[in-house]
């Protein structure tokens, strides 16, 4: 009989992170389901909630089997049923799509950080489930014509190679800067799309936050998202590329909180960290020299914003600490 190995540090870390995210998702979905005004959207939300709840149960059992304390995560106290809608139609599925984009990246990363067979299987299952939900969200949003498509481009008829270092500097003999390539446009577009959602999310959160410090933090986040959308759109327009826009998924005028400040702060932290990672990829793959400078400046702002959020969470006792390694110096005393 094969004896199951004890969890190693990276496996415990990834399970803890997954539990935090899944319990948050479970609570948010409960609210979205209650407020859903479209049967097709509600079906996606209910089906996703059922599966998320099942995975939370599996994670809980795993912690118990390993003799490990179950993380606090988020519970029924973090969602307030019966309050007015904070976001209008389509926001729930737009939000879920973005959340699943984050989850796809995390599950793949966590699979690579796992060594036990049962955990590798778990993250493979989570990856497949997350991809399935993402696809359902995309099909729904395309059908409703909510998401604007990325900019059109004339397909290439031949292969081209850079003929001069000027390609990296962005110089062009016919203009101040060369036209953006499709890789650069892709990352700029993604940044605009995700921050457009972030701007609406921060607007809603700011309207309903209970603590004044938290309210100010969300307003600051709204302004940061707005600045990123404006800066990236300007870069696209300089290359005669139309920036995306959408008419749906906006905050309502409600001022009654559907979620606890703790949950909204964690959700903001999750999206902020994802934005920082996406920004880093955009910096790495942008070849025109002015773009990494702009993206690096944006990353600095995002990092500072995330750090400020962490201080607020710690100050209010909302930051659950990940499991720590043994403090040998403390044990030696």
Protein backbone atom coordinates (compact mmCIF):
# COMPACT_ATOMS: atom_id res chain seq x y z
CA UNK A 1 0.00 0.00 0.00
CA UNK A 2 1.37 3.42 -0.99
CA UNK A 3 1.68 5.86 1.90
CA UNK A 4 0.62 9.39 0.97
CA UNK A 5 3.38 11.91 1.54
CA UNK A 6 2.75 14.86 3.85
CA UNK A 7 2.08 18.21 2.22
CA UNK A 8 5.20 20.17 1.40
CA UNK A 9 5.38 23.95 1.89
CA UNK A 10 4.47 24.88 -1.69
CA UNK A 11 1.51 22.47 -1.73
CA UNK A 12 0.16 23.85 1.54
CA UNK A 13 0.59 27.38 0.17
CA UNK A 14 -1.29 26.68 -3.06
CA UNK A 15 -4.13 24.88 -1.26
CA UNK A 16 -4.45 27.80 1.16
CA UNK A 17 -4.56 30.32 -1.70
CA UNK A 18 -7.10 28.22 -3.60
CA UNK A 19 -9.33 28.00 -0.52
CA UNK A 20 -9.29 31.78 -0.09
CA UNK A 21 -10.21 32.38 -3.72
CA UNK A 22 -12.88 29.69 -3.91
CA UNK A 23 -14.67 30.74 -0.73
CA UNK A 24 -14.69 34.34 -1.96
CA UNK A 25 -16.08 33.20 -5.31
CA UNK A 26 -18.75 31.13 -3.55
CA UNK A 27 -19.98 34.16 -1.59
CA UNK A 28 -20.01 36.51 -4.60
CA UNK A 29 -21.88 33.96 -6.72
CA UNK A 30 -24.54 33.61 -4.03
CA UNK A 31 -25.28 37.32 -4.35
CA UNK A 32 -25.15 37.33 -8.15
CA UNK A 33 -27.54 34.36 -8.33
CA UNK A 34 -30.05 36.12 -6.08
CA UNK A 35 -29.93 39.25 -8.26
CA UNK A 36 -29.76 37.57 -11.69
CA UNK A 37 -32.42 38.90 -14.06
CA UNK A 38 -31.50 36.72 -17.05
CA UNK A 39 -32.21 32.99 -16.98
CA UNK A 40 -29.25 32.06 -19.17
CA UNK A 41 -26.86 34.05 -16.98
CA UNK A 42 -28.43 32.58 -13.84
CA UNK A 43 -27.89 29.06 -15.17
CA UNK A 44 -24.16 29.77 -15.65
CA UNK A 45 -23.92 31.28 -12.16
CA UNK A 46 -25.81 28.44 -10.45
CA UNK A 47 -23.82 25.73 -12.23
CA UNK A 48 -20.54 27.46 -11.37
CA UNK A 49 -21.59 27.91 -7.72
CA UNK A 50 -22.50 24.22 -7.40
CA UNK A 51 -19.06 23.18 -8.62
CA UNK A 52 -17.19 25.79 -6.57
CA UNK A 53 -19.04 24.69 -3.43
CA UNK A 54 -18.04 21.09 -4.17
CA UNK A 55 -14.38 22.05 -4.55
CA UNK A 56 -14.51 24.01 -1.28
CA UNK A 57 -15.78 20.82 0.36
CA UNK A 58 -12.94 18.79 -1.14
CA UNK A 59 -10.37 21.33 0.04
CA UNK A 60 -11.89 21.30 3.53
CA UNK A 61 -11.67 17.50 3.65
CA UNK A 62 -8.08 17.63 2.45
CA UNK A 63 -7.09 20.00 5.26
CA UNK A 64 -8.86 17.78 7.80
CA UNK A 65 -7.18 14.61 6.50
CA UNK A 66 -3.78 16.25 6.77
CA UNK A 67 -4.46 17.38 10.36
CA UNK A 68 -4.24 21.01 9.26
CA UNK A 69 -6.40 23.86 10.50
CA UNK A 70 -9.06 24.89 7.98
CA UNK A 71 -8.47 28.49 6.80
CA UNK A 72 -11.06 31.11 7.71
CA UNK A 73 -11.60 32.23 4.12
CA UNK A 74 -15.02 33.81 3.59
CA UNK A 75 -18.39 32.72 4.97
CA UNK A 76 -22.06 33.72 5.07
CA UNK A 77 -21.23 36.79 7.17
CA UNK A 78 -19.35 38.27 4.21
CA UNK A 79 -22.42 38.53 1.97
CA UNK A 80 -25.61 40.48 2.66
CA UNK A 81 -28.62 38.99 0.87
CA UNK A 82 -31.67 41.07 0.11
CA UNK A 83 -29.90 44.38 -0.60
CA UNK A 84 -30.42 46.30 -3.88
CA UNK A 85 -28.41 45.42 -6.99
CA UNK A 86 -24.99 47.05 -6.94
CA UNK A 87 -24.23 46.30 -10.60
CA UNK A 88 -26.47 46.29 -13.66
CA UNK A 89 -27.12 43.52 -16.18
CA UNK A 90 -24.14 41.66 -17.66
CA UNK A 91 -21.72 42.69 -14.89
CA UNK A 92 -22.08 39.31 -13.19
CA UNK A 93 -20.91 37.37 -16.24
CA UNK A 94 -18.25 39.95 -17.21
CA UNK A 95 -16.90 39.71 -13.66
CA UNK A 96 -17.06 35.90 -13.64
CA UNK A 97 -15.19 35.77 -16.95
CA UNK A 98 -12.38 37.91 -15.53
CA UNK A 99 -12.31 35.89 -12.32
CA UNK A 100 -11.96 32.68 -14.34
CA UNK A 101 -9.14 34.25 -16.36
CA UNK A 102 -7.33 34.78 -13.05
CA UNK A 103 -8.17 31.26 -11.92
CA UNK A 104 -6.83 29.66 -15.11
CA UNK A 105 -3.45 31.24 -14.51
CA UNK A 106 -3.39 30.35 -10.82
CA UNK A 107 -4.43 26.71 -11.28
CA UNK A 108 -1.77 26.15 -13.94
CA UNK A 109 0.86 27.75 -11.72
CA UNK A 110 -0.28 25.75 -8.70
CA UNK A 111 -0.19 22.52 -10.70
CA UNK A 112 3.46 23.24 -11.47
CA UNK A 113 4.10 23.78 -7.75
CA UNK A 114 2.53 20.47 -6.70
CA UNK A 115 4.38 17.16 -6.32
CA UNK A 116 1.72 14.81 -4.95
CA UNK A 117 -0.32 12.93 -7.55
CA UNK A 118 -3.68 13.70 -5.90
CA UNK A 119 -2.97 17.45 -5.95
CA UNK A 120 -1.82 17.41 -9.56
CA UNK A 121 -5.12 15.69 -10.44
CA UNK A 122 -7.03 18.28 -8.38
CA UNK A 123 -5.47 21.24 -10.21
CA UNK A 124 -5.97 19.54 -13.59
CA UNK A 125 -9.66 19.19 -12.74
CA UNK A 126 -9.87 22.79 -11.55
CA UNK A 127 -8.18 23.98 -14.74
CA UNK A 128 -10.66 22.07 -16.91
CA UNK A 129 -13.64 23.32 -14.90
CA UNK A 130 -12.38 26.91 -15.03
CA UNK A 131 -11.81 26.77 -18.79
CA UNK A 132 -15.34 25.44 -19.24
CA UNK A 133 -16.87 28.31 -17.23
CA UNK A 134 -14.74 30.84 -19.10
CA UNK A 135 -16.00 29.48 -22.42
CA UNK A 136 -19.63 29.67 -21.25
CA UNK A 137 -19.11 33.29 -20.19
CA UNK A 138 -17.54 34.15 -23.55
CA UNK A 139 -20.39 32.51 -25.47
CA UNK A 140 -22.96 34.41 -23.41
CA UNK A 141 -21.23 37.79 -23.75
CA UNK A 142 -20.71 37.34 -27.50
CA UNK A 143 -24.39 36.46 -27.90
CA UNK A 144 -25.39 39.60 -25.98
CA UNK A 145 -22.82 41.70 -27.88
CA UNK A 146 -21.43 43.08 -24.61
CA UNK A 147 -17.70 42.61 -25.13
CA UNK A 148 -16.09 44.69 -27.87
CA UNK A 149 -13.75 42.64 -30.06
CA UNK A 150 -10.02 43.38 -30.23
CA UNK A 151 -8.98 45.76 -33.05
CA UNK A 152 -9.11 44.39 -36.60
CA UNK A 153 -5.88 44.00 -38.57
CA UNK A 154 -4.91 43.35 -42.18
CA UNK A 155 -3.55 39.82 -42.31
CA UNK A 156 0.11 39.55 -43.42
CA UNK A 157 0.90 38.14 -46.86
CA UNK A 158 4.62 37.68 -46.28
CA UNK A 159 7.16 37.15 -43.50
CA UNK A 160 9.11 40.19 -42.37
CA UNK A 161 12.24 40.60 -40.25
CA UNK A 162 13.41 43.75 -38.48
CA UNK A 163 16.05 45.45 -40.65
CA UNK A 164 17.40 47.87 -38.05
CA UNK A 165 17.74 48.42 -34.30
CA UNK A 166 15.27 51.24 -34.90
CA UNK A 167 12.54 48.60 -34.64
CA UNK A 168 13.35 48.27 -30.94
CA UNK A 169 13.58 52.02 -30.36
CA UNK A 170 10.27 52.52 -32.08
CA UNK A 171 11.65 55.00 -34.61
CA UNK A 172 10.24 55.20 -38.12
CA UNK A 173 11.52 57.26 -41.05
CA UNK A 174 7.96 58.32 -41.88
CA UNK A 175 6.80 59.18 -38.34
CA UNK A 176 8.02 59.68 -34.78
CA UNK A 177 7.22 56.10 -33.82
CA UNK A 178 6.68 52.88 -35.72
CA UNK A 179 3.20 51.37 -35.73
CA UNK A 180 2.39 48.98 -32.92
CA UNK A 181 2.74 45.29 -33.69
CA UNK A 182 -0.10 42.90 -32.88
CA UNK A 183 1.62 41.51 -29.77
CA UNK A 184 1.88 45.00 -28.29
CA UNK A 185 -1.73 45.81 -29.21
CA UNK A 186 -2.89 42.56 -27.60
CA UNK A 187 -1.43 43.42 -24.19
CA UNK A 188 -2.56 47.05 -24.33
CA UNK A 189 -6.07 45.95 -25.30
CA UNK A 190 -6.19 43.40 -22.48
CA UNK A 191 -5.07 46.07 -20.00
CA UNK A 192 -7.82 48.43 -21.17
CA UNK A 193 -10.49 45.75 -21.03
CA UNK A 194 -9.59 44.51 -17.55
CA UNK A 195 -9.23 48.03 -16.12
CA UNK A 196 -12.59 49.07 -17.60
CA UNK A 197 -14.13 46.31 -15.50
CA UNK A 198 -11.93 47.33 -12.56
CA UNK A 199 -13.13 50.93 -12.82
CA UNK A 200 -16.78 49.86 -12.54
CA UNK A 201 -16.02 47.39 -9.75
CA UNK A 202 -14.17 50.05 -7.75
CA UNK A 203 -17.01 52.53 -8.35
CA UNK A 204 -19.54 50.09 -6.90
CA UNK A 205 -17.33 49.11 -3.98
CA UNK A 206 -16.64 52.78 -3.14
CA UNK A 207 -20.38 53.53 -3.04
CA UNK A 208 -21.10 50.84 -0.44
CA UNK A 209 -17.92 50.53 1.67
CA UNK A 210 -18.58 50.97 5.40
CA UNK A 211 -15.17 52.21 6.54
CA UNK A 212 -14.21 55.69 5.30
CA UNK A 213 -10.59 54.60 4.77
CA UNK A 214 -11.76 51.70 2.64
CA UNK A 215 -14.09 53.97 0.66
CA UNK A 216 -11.18 56.32 -0.10
CA UNK A 217 -9.05 53.34 -1.13
CA UNK A 218 -11.64 52.15 -3.65
CA UNK A 219 -11.99 55.68 -5.06
CA UNK A 220 -8.23 55.75 -5.49
CA UNK A 221 -8.46 52.40 -7.29
CA UNK A 222 -11.15 53.77 -9.60
CA UNK A 223 -8.91 56.70 -10.52
CA UNK A 224 -5.93 54.39 -11.11
CA UNK A 225 -7.99 52.16 -13.43
CA UNK A 226 -9.27 55.24 -15.25
CA UNK A 227 -5.70 56.50 -15.73
CA UNK A 228 -4.53 53.15 -17.12
CA UNK A 229 -7.46 53.02 -19.55
CA UNK A 230 -6.72 56.59 -20.66
CA UNK A 231 -2.94 56.08 -21.04
CA UNK A 232 -3.23 52.79 -22.95
CA UNK A 233 -6.04 54.12 -25.17
CA UNK A 234 -3.86 57.10 -26.08
CA UNK A 235 -1.06 54.76 -27.19
CA UNK A 236 -3.49 52.83 -29.39
CA UNK A 237 -4.94 55.98 -30.93
CA UNK A 238 -1.45 57.24 -31.80
CA UNK A 239 -1.24 54.20 -34.07
CA UNK A 240 -4.78 54.82 -35.39
CA UNK A 241 -6.10 51.85 -33.44
CA UNK A 242 -9.54 52.26 -31.88
CA UNK A 243 -9.70 51.62 -28.14
CA UNK A 244 -12.41 49.19 -26.92
CA UNK A 245 -15.55 50.29 -25.11
CA UNK A 246 -18.65 48.59 -23.75
CA UNK A 247 -22.11 49.83 -22.83
CA UNK A 248 -22.88 47.22 -20.19
CA UNK A 249 -21.57 45.97 -16.85
CA UNK A 250 -21.79 49.20 -14.86
CA UNK A 251 -22.34 50.07 -11.21
CA UNK A 252 -25.87 51.12 -10.20
CA UNK A 253 -26.66 53.97 -7.77
CA UNK A 254 -27.04 51.62 -4.77
CA UNK A 255 -25.26 52.61 -1.55
CA UNK A 256 -26.05 49.43 0.43
CA UNK A 257 -23.20 46.92 0.71
CA UNK A 258 -23.81 43.39 -0.63
CA UNK A 259 -20.41 42.28 0.68
CA UNK A 260 -18.25 42.90 3.72
CA UNK A 261 -15.40 45.38 3.46
CA UNK A 262 -13.08 42.43 4.12
CA UNK A 263 -14.34 40.53 1.06
CA UNK A 264 -14.25 43.59 -1.20
CA UNK A 265 -10.69 44.37 -0.12
CA UNK A 266 -9.56 40.79 -0.80
CA UNK A 267 -11.30 40.81 -4.19
CA UNK A 268 -9.54 44.07 -5.04
CA UNK A 269 -6.21 42.60 -3.92
CA UNK A 270 -6.73 39.54 -6.14
CA UNK A 271 -7.51 41.67 -9.20
CA UNK A 272 -4.63 44.04 -8.42
CA UNK A 273 -2.12 41.18 -8.25
CA UNK A 274 -3.46 39.79 -11.52
CA UNK A 275 -3.11 43.23 -13.11
CA UNK A 276 0.47 43.44 -11.91
CA UNK A 277 1.30 40.07 -13.45
CA UNK A 278 -0.37 40.91 -16.76
CA UNK A 279 1.47 44.23 -16.84
CA UNK A 280 4.78 42.42 -16.33
CA UNK A 281 4.06 40.15 -19.31
CA UNK A 282 3.18 43.16 -21.44
CA UNK A 283 6.45 44.80 -20.46
CA UNK A 284 8.45 41.69 -21.34
CA UNK A 285 6.90 41.22 -24.80
CA UNK A 286 6.70 44.85 -25.93
CA UNK A 287 9.57 45.63 -28.31
CA UNK A 288 9.00 49.35 -28.85
CA UNK A 289 11.19 51.03 -26.24
CA UNK A 290 8.64 53.60 -25.08
CA UNK A 291 6.12 50.90 -24.10
CA UNK A 292 8.13 49.09 -21.39
CA UNK A 293 8.80 52.48 -19.80
CA UNK A 294 5.09 53.29 -19.71
CA UNK A 295 4.15 49.80 -18.53
CA UNK A 296 6.84 49.86 -15.84
CA UNK A 297 5.49 53.17 -14.56
CA UNK A 298 2.01 51.64 -14.45
CA UNK A 299 3.37 48.60 -12.59
CA UNK A 300 4.91 50.90 -9.97
CA UNK A 301 1.52 52.53 -9.40
CA UNK A 302 -0.27 49.16 -9.21
CA UNK A 303 2.32 47.81 -6.76
CA UNK A 304 2.02 50.86 -4.51
CA UNK A 305 -1.78 50.59 -4.61
CA UNK A 306 -1.68 46.91 -3.67
CA UNK A 307 0.74 47.64 -0.81
CA UNK A 308 -1.58 50.32 0.58
CA UNK A 309 -4.46 47.84 0.43
CA UNK A 310 -2.45 45.28 2.38
CA UNK A 311 -1.82 47.80 5.15
CA UNK A 312 -5.54 48.59 5.41
CA UNK A 313 -6.42 44.88 5.57
CA UNK A 314 -3.79 44.19 8.24
CA UNK A 315 -4.86 47.24 10.26
CA UNK A 316 -8.48 46.05 10.36
CA UNK A 317 -7.69 42.39 11.04
CA UNK A 318 -8.88 41.25 7.60
CA UNK A 319 -5.60 39.82 6.33
CA UNK A 320 -5.51 36.11 7.06
CA UNK A 321 -1.88 35.05 7.22
CA UNK A 322 -0.70 32.17 5.02
CA UNK A 323 0.80 29.23 6.94
CA UNK A 324 4.33 30.12 8.06
CA UNK A 325 7.55 28.18 8.16
CA UNK A 326 8.94 27.32 11.59
CA UNK A 327 10.53 30.29 13.35
CA UNK A 328 13.73 28.58 14.51
CA UNK A 329 15.04 31.62 16.38
CA UNK A 330 11.82 31.69 18.41
CA UNK A 331 12.04 27.95 19.09
CA UNK A 332 15.65 28.26 20.23
CA UNK A 333 14.68 30.64 23.05
